[in-house]
Amino acid sequence: MDTLTIRVETEAEWSARLLQAIERGEPQPPGYSFQTDEDLLDTLNGNRFTILKALAGTDPIGVRELARRVGRDVRAVHADAQRLAAIGLIDKSENGKLHFPYEGVRIELGWRVAA
């Protein structure tokens, strides 16, 4: 299993990074990009990040089992899982099982004061 790298970058930055990697022949690890810091932080709030941690390295599980593992209400976990599935961070099978096919997450988040 791999580690998913989550970063903040525009589509232009993503394209440039990918093109450079291709030109150098460097394989790219699995990644997910948010357009802004705010999007990342709004989407990966504490509860949703806990869901990713609970799903990492496991076989697909149902919402009830996930709720039990994270110690939260089933409806709230279902809503958060729906959001994560809708943006493609977790997989949801036809039978409703949830899966995060990575063993971990690396988040690249930083900023600098403009010169």
PDB file of N, CA and C in Angstrom:
ATOM      1  N   MET A   1       0.840  -1.189   0.000  1.00  0.00           N
ATOM      2  CA  MET A   1       0.000   0.000   0.000  1.00  0.00           C
ATOM      3  C   MET A   1       0.877   1.241   0.000  1.00  0.00           C
ATOM      4  N   ASP A   2       0.311   2.290  -0.512  1.00  0.00           N
ATOM      5  CA  ASP A   2       1.029   3.553  -0.620  1.00  0.00           C
ATOM      6  C   ASP A   2       0.513   4.571   0.386  1.00  0.00           C
ATOM      7  N   THR A   3       1.238   5.669   0.454  1.00  0.00           N
ATOM      8  CA  THR A   3       0.810   6.826   1.218  1.00  0.00           C
ATOM      9  C   THR A   3       0.269   7.851   0.230  1.00  0.00           C
ATOM     10  N   LEU A   4      -0.884   8.417   0.530  1.00  0.00           N
ATOM     11  CA  LEU A   4      -1.488   9.450  -0.314  1.00  0.00           C
ATOM     12  C   LEU A   4      -0.925  10.800   0.098  1.00  0.00           C
ATOM     13  N   THR A   5      -0.423  11.553  -0.880  1.00  0.00           N
ATOM     14  CA  THR A   5       0.057  12.905  -0.617  1.00  0.00           C
ATOM     15  C   THR A   5      -1.058  13.884  -0.970  1.00  0.00           C
ATOM     16  N   ILE A   6      -1.449  14.679   0.013  1.00  0.00           N
ATOM     17  CA  ILE A   6      -2.469  15.706  -0.188  1.00  0.00           C
ATOM     18  C   ILE A   6      -1.762  17.044  -0.122  1.00  0.00           C
ATOM     19  N   ARG A   7      -2.007  17.875  -1.150  1.00  0.00           N
ATOM     20  CA  ARG A   7      -1.321  19.164  -1.195  1.00  0.00           C
ATOM     21  C   ARG A   7      -2.263  20.253  -1.690  1.00  0.00           C
ATOM     22  N   VAL A   8      -1.827  21.470  -1.543  1.00  0.00           N
ATOM     23  CA  VAL A   8      -2.546  22.627  -2.068  1.00  0.00           C
ATOM     24  C   VAL A   8      -1.776  23.120  -3.277  1.00  0.00           C
ATOM     25  N   GLU A   9      -2.465  23.135  -4.429  1.00  0.00           N
ATOM     26  CA  GLU A   9      -1.840  23.636  -5.652  1.00  0.00           C
ATOM     27  C   GLU A   9      -2.930  23.918  -6.680  1.00  0.00           C
ATOM     28  N   THR A  10      -2.668  24.905  -7.508  1.00  0.00           N
ATOM     29  CA  THR A  10      -3.607  25.215  -8.584  1.00  0.00           C
ATOM     30  C   THR A  10      -3.471  24.161  -9.675  1.00  0.00           C
ATOM     31  N   GLU A  11      -4.396  24.174 -10.611  1.00  0.00           N
ATOM     32  CA  GLU A  11      -4.300  23.237 -11.738  1.00  0.00           C
ATOM     33  C   GLU A  11      -3.029  23.486 -12.541  1.00  0.00           C
ATOM     34  N   ALA A  12      -2.652  24.752 -12.691  1.00  0.00           N
ATOM     35  CA  ALA A  12      -1.428  25.084 -13.433  1.00  0.00           C
ATOM     36  C   ALA A  12      -0.203  24.539 -12.701  1.00  0.00           C
ATOM     37  N   GLU A  13      -0.160  24.687 -11.388  1.00  0.00           N
ATOM     38  CA  GLU A  13       0.963  24.155 -10.612  1.00  0.00           C
ATOM     39  C   GLU A  13       1.007  22.628 -10.696  1.00  0.00           C
ATOM     40  N   TRP A  14      -0.161  21.992 -10.607  1.00  0.00           N
ATOM     41  CA  TRP A  14      -0.245  20.537 -10.709  1.00  0.00           C
ATOM     42  C   TRP A  14       0.282  20.074 -12.067  1.00  0.00           C
ATOM     43  N   SER A  15      -0.181  20.736 -13.135  1.00  0.00           N
ATOM     44  CA  SER A  15       0.259  20.367 -14.489  1.00  0.00           C
ATOM     45  C   SER A  15       1.762  20.530 -14.652  1.00  0.00           C
ATOM     46  N   ALA A  16       2.297  21.640 -14.164  1.00  0.00           N
ATOM     47  CA  ALA A  16       3.733  21.894 -14.277  1.00  0.00           C
ATOM     48  C   ALA A  16       4.533  20.856 -13.500  1.00  0.00           C
ATOM     49  N   ARG A  17       4.094  20.520 -12.290  1.00  0.00           N
ATOM     50  CA  ARG A  17       4.788  19.522 -11.475  1.00  0.00           C
ATOM     51  C   ARG A  17       4.761  18.154 -12.158  1.00  0.00           C
ATOM     52  N   LEU A  18       3.610  17.788 -12.698  1.00  0.00           N
ATOM     53  CA  LEU A  18       3.475  16.505 -13.376  1.00  0.00           C
ATOM     54  C   LEU A  18       4.343  16.454 -14.630  1.00  0.00           C
ATOM     55  N   LEU A  19       4.339  17.522 -15.414  1.00  0.00           N
ATOM     56  CA  LEU A  19       5.143  17.570 -16.635  1.00  0.00           C
ATOM     57  C   LEU A  19       6.631  17.447 -16.322  1.00  0.00           C
ATOM     58  N   GLN A  20       7.082  18.143 -15.289  1.00  0.00           N
ATOM     59  CA  GLN A  20       8.494  18.046 -14.893  1.00  0.00           C
ATOM     60  C   GLN A  20       8.848  16.622 -14.478  1.00  0.00           C
ATOM     61  N   ALA A  21       7.966  15.992 -13.739  1.00  0.00           N
ATOM     62  CA  ALA A  21       8.221  14.615 -13.298  1.00  0.00           C
ATOM     63  C   ALA A  21       8.283  13.665 -14.484  1.00  0.00           C
ATOM     64  N   ILE A  22       7.390  13.849 -15.438  1.00  0.00           N
ATOM     65  CA  ILE A  22       7.383  13.012 -16.635  1.00  0.00           C
ATOM     66  C   ILE A  22       8.672  13.214 -17.422  1.00  0.00           C
ATOM     67  N   GLU A  23       9.090  14.477 -17.578  1.00  0.00           N
ATOM     68  CA  GLU A  23      10.321  14.768 -18.321  1.00  0.00           C
ATOM     69  C   GLU A  23      11.541  14.153 -17.650  1.00  0.00           C
ATOM     70  N   ARG A  24      11.544  14.080 -16.337  1.00  0.00           N
ATOM     71  CA  ARG A  24      12.663  13.485 -15.595  1.00  0.00           C
ATOM     72  C   ARG A  24      12.506  11.973 -15.434  1.00  0.00           C
ATOM     73  N   GLY A  25      11.360  11.449 -15.846  1.00  0.00           N
ATOM     74  CA  GLY A  25      11.107  10.019 -15.716  1.00  0.00           C
ATOM     75  C   GLY A  25      10.864   9.575 -14.291  1.00  0.00           C
ATOM     76  N   GLU A  26      10.368  10.488 -13.467  1.00  0.00           N
ATOM     77  CA  GLU A  26      10.125  10.179 -12.060  1.00  0.00           C
ATOM     78  C   GLU A  26       8.687   9.693 -11.874  1.00  0.00           C
ATOM     79  N   PRO A  27       8.510   8.530 -11.270  1.00  0.00           N
ATOM     80  CA  PRO A  27       7.143   8.090 -10.989  1.00  0.00           C
ATOM     81  C   PRO A  27       6.529   8.982  -9.919  1.00  0.00           C
ATOM     82  N   GLN A  28       5.246   9.213 -10.033  1.00  0.00           N
ATOM     83  CA  GLN A  28       4.558  10.060  -9.071  1.00  0.00           C
ATOM     84  C   GLN A  28       3.740   9.210  -8.105  1.00  0.00           C
ATOM     85  N   PRO A  29       3.906   9.468  -6.821  1.00  0.00           N
ATOM     86  CA  PRO A  29       3.103   8.736  -5.844  1.00  0.00           C
ATOM     87  C   PRO A  29       1.646   9.191  -5.931  1.00  0.00           C
ATOM     88  N   PRO A  30       0.733   8.424  -5.357  1.00  0.00           N
ATOM     89  CA  PRO A  30      -0.668   8.837  -5.378  1.00  0.00           C
ATOM     90  C   PRO A  30      -0.824  10.208  -4.723  1.00  0.00           C
ATOM     91  N   GLY A  31      -1.650  11.042  -5.327  1.00  0.00           N
ATOM     92  CA  GLY A  31      -1.832  12.384  -4.789  1.00  0.00           C
ATOM     93  C   GLY A  31      -3.242  12.904  -4.967  1.00  0.00           C
ATOM     94  N   TYR A  32      -3.547  13.911  -4.180  1.00  0.00           N
ATOM     95  CA  TYR A  32      -4.828  14.602  -4.246  1.00  0.00           C
ATOM     96  C   TYR A  32      -4.532  16.069  -3.989  1.00  0.00           C
ATOM     97  N   SER A  33      -5.125  16.956  -4.791  1.00  0.00           N
ATOM     98  CA  SER A  33      -4.849  18.387  -4.648  1.00  0.00           C
ATOM     99  C   SER A  33      -6.113  19.169  -4.340  1.00  0.00           C
ATOM    100  N   PHE A  34      -5.945  20.139  -3.451  1.00  0.00           N
ATOM    101  CA  PHE A  34      -6.970  21.140  -3.189  1.00  0.00           C
ATOM    102  C   PHE A  34      -6.502  22.446  -3.808  1.00  0.00           C
ATOM    103  N   GLN A  35      -7.422  23.258  -4.252  1.00  0.00           N
ATOM    104  CA  GLN A  35      -7.075  24.533  -4.891  1.00  0.00           C
ATOM    105  C   GLN A  35      -6.563  25.573  -3.893  1.00  0.00           C
ATOM    106  N   THR A  36      -7.092  25.557  -2.665  1.00  0.00           N
ATOM    107  CA  THR A  36      -6.697  26.564  -1.675  1.00  0.00           C
ATOM    108  C   THR A  36      -6.493  25.906  -0.309  1.00  0.00           C
ATOM    109  N   ASP A  37      -5.746  26.602   0.552  1.00  0.00           N
ATOM    110  CA  ASP A  37      -5.565  26.140   1.935  1.00  0.00           C
ATOM    111  C   ASP A  37      -6.920  25.994   2.616  1.00  0.00           C
ATOM    112  N   GLU A  38      -7.786  26.971   2.379  1.00  0.00           N
ATOM    113  CA  GLU A  38      -9.102  26.973   3.015  1.00  0.00           C
ATOM    114  C   GLU A  38      -9.917  25.755   2.607  1.00  0.00           C
ATOM    115  N   ASP A  39      -9.851  25.377   1.317  1.00  0.00           N
ATOM    116  CA  ASP A  39     -10.573  24.186   0.854  1.00  0.00           C
ATOM    117  C   ASP A  39     -10.078  22.937   1.586  1.00  0.00           C
ATOM    118  N   LEU A  40      -8.776  22.811   1.697  1.00  0.00           N
ATOM    119  CA  LEU A  40      -8.211  21.650   2.388  1.00  0.00           C
ATOM    120  C   LEU A  40      -8.662  21.622   3.837  1.00  0.00           C
ATOM    121  N   LEU A  41      -8.507  22.726   4.537  1.00  0.00           N
ATOM    122  CA  LEU A  41      -8.830  22.761   5.955  1.00  0.00           C
ATOM    123  C   LEU A  41     -10.332  22.631   6.219  1.00  0.00           C
ATOM    124  N   ASP A  42     -11.146  23.149   5.321  1.00  0.00           N
ATOM    125  CA  ASP A  42     -12.592  23.009   5.469  1.00  0.00           C
ATOM    126  C   ASP A  42     -13.019  21.567   5.230  1.00  0.00           C
ATOM    127  N   THR A  43     -12.430  20.933   4.235  1.00  0.00           N
ATOM    128  CA  THR A  43     -12.804  19.569   3.885  1.00  0.00           C
ATOM    129  C   THR A  43     -12.242  18.559   4.867  1.00  0.00           C
ATOM    130  N   LEU A  44     -10.980  18.686   5.199  1.00  0.00           N
ATOM    131  CA  LEU A  44     -10.351  17.733   6.115  1.00  0.00           C
ATOM    132  C   LEU A  44     -10.365  18.262   7.544  1.00  0.00           C
ATOM    133  N   ASN A  45     -11.581  18.487   8.045  1.00  0.00           N
ATOM    134  CA  ASN A  45     -11.695  18.887   9.443  1.00  0.00           C
ATOM    135  C   ASN A  45     -11.299  17.702  10.329  1.00  0.00           C
ATOM    136  N   GLY A  46     -11.289  17.885  11.605  1.00  0.00           N
ATOM    137  CA  GLY A  46     -10.850  16.835  12.520  1.00  0.00           C
ATOM    138  C   GLY A  46     -11.626  15.538  12.374  1.00  0.00           C
ATOM    139  N   ASN A  47     -12.938  15.628  12.251  1.00  0.00           N
ATOM    140  CA  ASN A  47     -13.757  14.422  12.138  1.00  0.00           C
ATOM    141  C   ASN A  47     -13.478  13.661  10.845  1.00  0.00           C
ATOM    142  N   ARG A  48     -13.334  14.355   9.755  1.00  0.00           N
ATOM    143  CA  ARG A  48     -13.083  13.685   8.478  1.00  0.00           C
ATOM    144  C   ARG A  48     -11.673  13.110   8.421  1.00  0.00           C
ATOM    145  N   PHE A  49     -10.730  13.804   9.023  1.00  0.00           N
ATOM    146  CA  PHE A  49      -9.374  13.280   9.062  1.00  0.00           C
ATOM    147  C   PHE A  49      -9.338  12.001   9.897  1.00  0.00           C
ATOM    148  N   THR A  50     -10.110  11.967  10.972  1.00  0.00           N
ATOM    149  CA  THR A  50     -10.207  10.770  11.799  1.00  0.00           C
ATOM    150  C   THR A  50     -10.775   9.602  11.002  1.00  0.00           C
ATOM    151  N   ILE A  51     -11.720   9.888  10.113  1.00  0.00           N
ATOM    152  CA  ILE A  51     -12.276   8.846   9.242  1.00  0.00           C
ATOM    153  C   ILE A  51     -11.187   8.281   8.338  1.00  0.00           C
ATOM    154  N   LEU A  52     -10.381   9.143   7.737  1.00  0.00           N
ATOM    155  CA  LEU A  52      -9.289   8.666   6.889  1.00  0.00           C
ATOM    156  C   LEU A  52      -8.332   7.785   7.691  1.00  0.00           C
ATOM    157  N   LYS A  53      -7.995   8.220   8.899  1.00  0.00           N
ATOM    158  CA  LYS A  53      -7.091   7.439   9.736  1.00  0.00           C
ATOM    159  C   LYS A  53      -7.690   6.079  10.080  1.00  0.00           C
ATOM    160  N   ALA A  54      -8.988   6.047  10.346  1.00  0.00           N
ATOM    161  CA  ALA A  54      -9.642   4.787  10.706  1.00  0.00           C
ATOM    162  C   ALA A  54      -9.725   3.832   9.520  1.00  0.00           C
ATOM    163  N   LEU A  55      -9.838   4.364   8.317  1.00  0.00           N
ATOM    164  CA  LEU A  55      -9.946   3.530   7.114  1.00  0.00           C
ATOM    165  C   LEU A  55      -8.597   3.105   6.553  1.00  0.00           C
ATOM    166  N   ALA A  56      -7.539   3.835   6.898  1.00  0.00           N
ATOM    167  CA  ALA A  56      -6.221   3.560   6.328  1.00  0.00           C
ATOM    168  C   ALA A  56      -5.758   2.148   6.674  1.00  0.00           C
ATOM    169  N   GLY A  57      -5.337   1.423   5.637  1.00  0.00           N
ATOM    170  CA  GLY A  57      -4.771   0.103   5.829  1.00  0.00           C
ATOM    171  C   GLY A  57      -5.763  -0.999   6.162  1.00  0.00           C
ATOM    172  N   THR A  58      -7.055  -0.713   6.042  1.00  0.00           N
ATOM    173  CA  THR A  58      -8.066  -1.723   6.366  1.00  0.00           C
ATOM    174  C   THR A  58      -8.771  -2.191   5.103  1.00  0.00           C
ATOM    175  N   ASP A  59      -9.486  -3.286   5.236  1.00  0.00           N
ATOM    176  CA  ASP A  59     -10.387  -3.728   4.186  1.00  0.00           C
ATOM    177  C   ASP A  59     -11.613  -2.823   4.203  1.00  0.00           C
ATOM    178  N   PRO A  60     -12.408  -2.821   3.140  1.00  0.00           N
ATOM    179  CA  PRO A  60     -13.631  -2.005   3.124  1.00  0.00           C
ATOM    180  C   PRO A  60     -14.549  -2.356   4.301  1.00  0.00           C
ATOM    181  N   ILE A  61     -15.140  -1.315   4.894  1.00  0.00           N
ATOM    182  CA  ILE A  61     -16.056  -1.517   6.023  1.00  0.00           C
ATOM    183  C   ILE A  61     -17.306  -0.671   5.831  1.00  0.00           C
ATOM    184  N   GLY A  62     -18.351  -1.019   6.540  1.00  0.00           N
ATOM    185  CA  GLY A  62     -19.605  -0.283   6.492  1.00  0.00           C
ATOM    186  C   GLY A  62     -19.578   0.945   7.383  1.00  0.00           C
ATOM    187  N   VAL A  63     -20.553   1.802   7.194  1.00  0.00           N
ATOM    188  CA  VAL A  63     -20.636   3.047   7.960  1.00  0.00           C
ATOM    189  C   VAL A  63     -20.810   2.774   9.447  1.00  0.00           C
ATOM    190  N   ARG A  64     -21.635   1.803   9.788  1.00  0.00           N
ATOM    191  CA  ARG A  64     -21.852   1.497  11.216  1.00  0.00           C
ATOM    192  C   ARG A  64     -20.556   1.081  11.907  1.00  0.00           C
ATOM    193  N   GLU A  65     -19.794   0.228  11.244  1.00  0.00           N
ATOM    194  CA  GLU A  65     -18.518  -0.193  11.816  1.00  0.00           C
ATOM    195  C   GLU A  65     -17.553   0.985  11.893  1.00  0.00           C
ATOM    196  N   LEU A  66     -17.545   1.827  10.875  1.00  0.00           N
ATOM    197  CA  LEU A  66     -16.692   3.010  10.894  1.00  0.00           C
ATOM    198  C   LEU A  66     -17.077   3.931  12.044  1.00  0.00           C
ATOM    199  N   ALA A  67     -18.367   4.154  12.230  1.00  0.00           N
ATOM    200  CA  ALA A  67     -18.839   4.999  13.326  1.00  0.00           C
ATOM    201  C   ALA A  67     -18.394   4.430  14.677  1.00  0.00           C
ATOM    202  N   ARG A  68     -18.466   3.102  14.820  1.00  0.00           N
ATOM    203  CA  ARG A  68     -18.024   2.470  16.055  1.00  0.00           C
ATOM    204  C   ARG A  68     -16.533   2.707  16.276  1.00  0.00           C
ATOM    205  N   ARG A  69     -15.749   2.585  15.209  1.00  0.00           N
ATOM    206  CA  ARG A  69     -14.292   2.753  15.324  1.00  0.00           C
ATOM    207  C   ARG A  69     -13.887   4.173  15.688  1.00  0.00           C
ATOM    208  N   VAL A  70     -14.633   5.151  15.190  1.00  0.00           N
ATOM    209  CA  VAL A  70     -14.270   6.546  15.479  1.00  0.00           C
ATOM    210  C   VAL A  70     -15.050   7.125  16.654  1.00  0.00           C
ATOM    211  N   GLY A  71     -15.987   6.339  17.202  1.00  0.00           N
ATOM    212  CA  GLY A  71     -16.724   6.781  18.387  1.00  0.00           C
ATOM    213  C   GLY A  71     -17.677   7.929  18.130  1.00  0.00           C
ATOM    214  N   ARG A  72     -18.347   7.881  16.972  1.00  0.00           N
ATOM    215  CA  ARG A  72     -19.261   8.966  16.612  1.00  0.00           C
ATOM    216  C   ARG A  72     -20.610   8.412  16.184  1.00  0.00           C
ATOM    217  N   ASP A  73     -21.577   9.290  16.078  1.00  0.00           N
ATOM    218  CA  ASP A  73     -22.917   8.959  15.625  1.00  0.00           C
ATOM    219  C   ASP A  73     -22.895   8.481  14.175  1.00  0.00           C
ATOM    220  N   VAL A  74     -23.686   7.445  13.874  1.00  0.00           N
ATOM    221  CA  VAL A  74     -23.718   6.868  12.531  1.00  0.00           C
ATOM    222  C   VAL A  74     -24.116   7.901  11.485  1.00  0.00           C
ATOM    223  N   ARG A  75     -25.119   8.711  11.762  1.00  0.00           N
ATOM    224  CA  ARG A  75     -25.565   9.720  10.777  1.00  0.00           C
ATOM    225  C   ARG A  75     -24.475  10.735  10.475  1.00  0.00           C
ATOM    226  N   ALA A  76     -23.775  11.181  11.511  1.00  0.00           N
ATOM    227  CA  ALA A  76     -22.715  12.166  11.300  1.00  0.00           C
ATOM    228  C   ALA A  76     -21.565  11.557  10.498  1.00  0.00           C
ATOM    229  N   VAL A  77     -21.198  10.318  10.819  1.00  0.00           N
ATOM    230  CA  VAL A  77     -20.136   9.643  10.077  1.00  0.00           C
ATOM    231  C   VAL A  77     -20.571   9.420   8.637  1.00  0.00           C
ATOM    232  N   HIS A  78     -21.829   9.046   8.444  1.00  0.00           N
ATOM    233  CA  HIS A  78     -22.349   8.847   7.081  1.00  0.00           C
ATOM    234  C   HIS A  78     -22.227  10.142   6.265  1.00  0.00           C
ATOM    235  N   ALA A  79     -22.612  11.273   6.851  1.00  0.00           N
ATOM    236  CA  ALA A  79     -22.533  12.558   6.142  1.00  0.00           C
ATOM    237  C   ALA A  79     -21.081  12.893   5.789  1.00  0.00           C
ATOM    238  N   ASP A  80     -20.176  12.694   6.734  1.00  0.00           N
ATOM    239  CA  ASP A  80     -18.764  12.988   6.457  1.00  0.00           C
ATOM    240  C   ASP A  80     -18.192  12.033   5.412  1.00  0.00           C
ATOM    241  N   ALA A  81     -18.561  10.763   5.491  1.00  0.00           N
ATOM    242  CA  ALA A  81     -18.076   9.784   4.515  1.00  0.00           C
ATOM    243  C   ALA A  81     -18.620  10.101   3.127  1.00  0.00           C
ATOM    244  N   GLN A  82     -19.878  10.524   3.053  1.00  0.00           N
ATOM    245  CA  GLN A  82     -20.462  10.915   1.769  1.00  0.00           C
ATOM    246  C   GLN A  82     -19.658  12.053   1.143  1.00  0.00           C
ATOM    247  N   ARG A  83     -19.295  13.028   1.950  1.00  0.00           N
ATOM    248  CA  ARG A  83     -18.508  14.168   1.462  1.00  0.00           C
ATOM    249  C   ARG A  83     -17.150  13.703   0.944  1.00  0.00           C
ATOM    250  N   LEU A  84     -16.475  12.848   1.700  1.00  0.00           N
ATOM    251  CA  LEU A  84     -15.165  12.359   1.283  1.00  0.00           C
ATOM    252  C   LEU A  84     -15.263  11.502   0.026  1.00  0.00           C
ATOM    253  N   ALA A  85     -16.323  10.718  -0.084  1.00  0.00           N
ATOM    254  CA  ALA A  85     -16.522   9.898  -1.282  1.00  0.00           C
ATOM    255  C   ALA A  85     -16.862  10.767  -2.490  1.00  0.00           C
ATOM    256  N   ALA A  86     -17.652  11.808  -2.268  1.00  0.00           N
ATOM    257  CA  ALA A  86     -18.068  12.685  -3.372  1.00  0.00           C
ATOM    258  C   ALA A  86     -16.877  13.385  -4.033  1.00  0.00           C
ATOM    259  N   ILE A  87     -15.859  13.687  -3.258  1.00  0.00           N
ATOM    260  CA  ILE A  87     -14.682  14.364  -3.838  1.00  0.00           C
ATOM    261  C   ILE A  87     -13.575  13.377  -4.195  1.00  0.00           C
ATOM    262  N   GLY A  88     -13.815  12.092  -3.979  1.00  0.00           N
ATOM    263  CA  GLY A  88     -12.866  11.080  -4.409  1.00  0.00           C
ATOM    264  C   GLY A  88     -11.748  10.748  -3.441  1.00  0.00           C
ATOM    265  N   LEU A  89     -11.857  11.169  -2.192  1.00  0.00           N
ATOM    266  CA  LEU A  89     -10.811  10.821  -1.227  1.00  0.00           C
ATOM    267  C   LEU A  89     -10.987   9.419  -0.661  1.00  0.00           C
ATOM    268  N   ILE A  90     -12.212   8.939  -0.593  1.00  0.00           N
ATOM    269  CA  ILE A  90     -12.435   7.545  -0.214  1.00  0.00           C
ATOM    270  C   ILE A  90     -13.317   6.905  -1.280  1.00  0.00           C
ATOM    271  N   ASP A  91     -13.263   5.592  -1.338  1.00  0.00           N
ATOM    272  CA  ASP A  91     -14.078   4.837  -2.278  1.00  0.00           C
ATOM    273  C   ASP A  91     -15.299   4.300  -1.559  1.00  0.00           C
ATOM    274  N   LYS A  92     -16.412   4.276  -2.273  1.00  0.00           N
ATOM    275  CA  LYS A  92     -17.640   3.697  -1.732  1.00  0.00           C
ATOM    276  C   LYS A  92     -18.136   2.674  -2.746  1.00  0.00           C
ATOM    277  N   SER A  93     -18.246   1.427  -2.314  1.00  0.00           N
ATOM    278  CA  SER A  93     -18.675   0.363  -3.216  1.00  0.00           C
ATOM    279  C   SER A  93     -20.192   0.387  -3.388  1.00  0.00           C
ATOM    280  N   GLU A  94     -20.659  -0.409  -4.329  1.00  0.00           N
ATOM    281  CA  GLU A  94     -22.099  -0.487  -4.587  1.00  0.00           C
ATOM    282  C   GLU A  94     -22.865  -0.977  -3.368  1.00  0.00           C
ATOM    283  N   ASN A  95     -22.226  -1.799  -2.541  1.00  0.00           N
ATOM    284  CA  ASN A  95     -22.913  -2.293  -1.346  1.00  0.00           C
ATOM    285  C   ASN A  95     -22.725  -1.367  -0.143  1.00  0.00           C
ATOM    286  N   GLY A  96     -22.151  -0.194  -0.376  1.00  0.00           N
ATOM    287  CA  GLY A  96     -22.036   0.814   0.671  1.00  0.00           C
ATOM    288  C   GLY A  96     -20.789   0.744   1.528  1.00  0.00           C
ATOM    289  N   LYS A  97     -19.916  -0.197   1.258  1.00  0.00           N
ATOM    290  CA  LYS A  97     -18.679  -0.302   2.046  1.00  0.00           C
ATOM    291  C   LYS A  97     -17.726   0.828   1.666  1.00  0.00           C
ATOM    292  N   LEU A  98     -17.006   1.304   2.660  1.00  0.00           N
ATOM    293  CA  LEU A  98     -16.078   2.420   2.485  1.00  0.00           C
ATOM    294  C   LEU A  98     -14.650   1.911   2.507  1.00  0.00           C
ATOM    295  N   HIS A  99     -13.823   2.517   1.657  1.00  0.00           N
ATOM    296  CA  HIS A  99     -12.442   2.058   1.563  1.00  0.00           C
ATOM    297  C   HIS A  99     -11.528   3.237   1.269  1.00  0.00           C
ATOM    298  N   PHE A 100     -10.408   3.262   1.954  1.00  0.00           N
ATOM    299  CA  PHE A 100      -9.340   4.225   1.713  1.00  0.00           C
ATOM    300  C   PHE A 100      -8.103   3.390   1.406  1.00  0.00           C
ATOM    301  N   PRO A 101      -7.748   3.248   0.122  1.00  0.00           N
ATOM    302  CA  PRO A 101      -6.740   2.269  -0.276  1.00  0.00           C
ATOM    303  C   PRO A 101      -5.289   2.696  -0.037  1.00  0.00           C
ATOM    304  N   TYR A 102      -5.047   3.369   1.072  1.00  0.00           N
ATOM    305  CA  TYR A 102      -3.699   3.824   1.404  1.00  0.00           C
ATOM    306  C   TYR A 102      -3.404   3.474   2.852  1.00  0.00           C
ATOM    307  N   GLU A 103      -2.132   3.381   3.165  1.00  0.00           N
ATOM    308  CA  GLU A 103      -1.758   3.085   4.540  1.00  0.00           C
ATOM    309  C   GLU A 103      -1.513   4.353   5.350  1.00  0.00           C
ATOM    310  N   GLY A 104      -1.485   5.480   4.677  1.00  0.00           N
ATOM    311  CA  GLY A 104      -1.271   6.731   5.383  1.00  0.00           C
ATOM    312  C   GLY A 104      -1.468   7.933   4.481  1.00  0.00           C
ATOM    313  N   VAL A 105      -1.359   9.098   5.099  1.00  0.00           N
ATOM    314  CA  VAL A 105      -1.539  10.370   4.403  1.00  0.00           C
ATOM    315  C   VAL A 105      -0.371  11.280   4.744  1.00  0.00           C
ATOM    316  N   ARG A 106       0.086  11.977   3.742  1.00  0.00           N
ATOM    317  CA  ARG A 106       1.088  13.030   3.928  1.00  0.00           C
ATOM    318  C   ARG A 106       0.450  14.310   3.423  1.00  0.00           C
ATOM    319  N   ILE A 107       0.400  15.335   4.250  1.00  0.00           N
ATOM    320  CA  ILE A 107      -0.203  16.600   3.852  1.00  0.00           C
ATOM    321  C   ILE A 107       0.889  17.642   3.686  1.00  0.00           C
ATOM    322  N   GLU A 108       0.891  18.267   2.498  1.00  0.00           N
ATOM    323  CA  GLU A 108       1.821  19.354   2.222  1.00  0.00           C
ATOM    324  C   GLU A 108       1.027  20.652   2.246  1.00  0.00           C
ATOM    325  N   LEU A 109       1.251  21.422   3.275  1.00  0.00           N
ATOM    326  CA  LEU A 109       0.525  22.671   3.459  1.00  0.00           C
ATOM    327  C   LEU A 109       1.498  23.721   3.970  1.00  0.00           C
ATOM    328  N   GLY A 110       1.638  24.764   3.241  1.00  0.00           N
ATOM    329  CA  GLY A 110       2.567  25.814   3.677  1.00  0.00           C
ATOM    330  C   GLY A 110       2.264  27.121   2.968  1.00  0.00           C
ATOM    331  N   TRP A 111       2.805  28.174   3.506  1.00  0.00           N
ATOM    332  CA  TRP A 111       2.648  29.483   2.879  1.00  0.00           C
ATOM    333  C   TRP A 111       3.815  30.364   3.300  1.00  0.00           C
ATOM    334  N   ARG A 112       3.984  31.401   2.515  1.00  0.00           N
ATOM    335  CA  ARG A 112       5.041  32.363   2.783  1.00  0.00           C
ATOM    336  C   ARG A 112       4.501  33.767   2.537  1.00  0.00           C
ATOM    337  N   VAL A 113       5.032  34.704   3.237  1.00  0.00           N
ATOM    338  CA  VAL A 113       4.685  36.106   3.033  1.00  0.00           C
ATOM    339  C   VAL A 113       5.240  36.536   1.674  1.00  0.00           C
ATOM    340  N   ALA A 114       4.412  37.236   0.910  1.00  0.00           N
ATOM    341  CA  ALA A 114       4.852  37.715  -0.408  1.00  0.00           C
ATOM    342  C   ALA A 114       5.969  38.736  -0.221  1.00  0.00           C
ATOM    343  N   ALA A 115       6.960  38.663  -1.086  1.00  0.00           N
ATOM    344  CA  ALA A 115       8.117  39.581  -0.988  1.00  0.00           C
ATOM    345  C   ALA A 115       7.746  40.963  -1.454  1.00  0.00           C
TER     346      ALA A 115
END
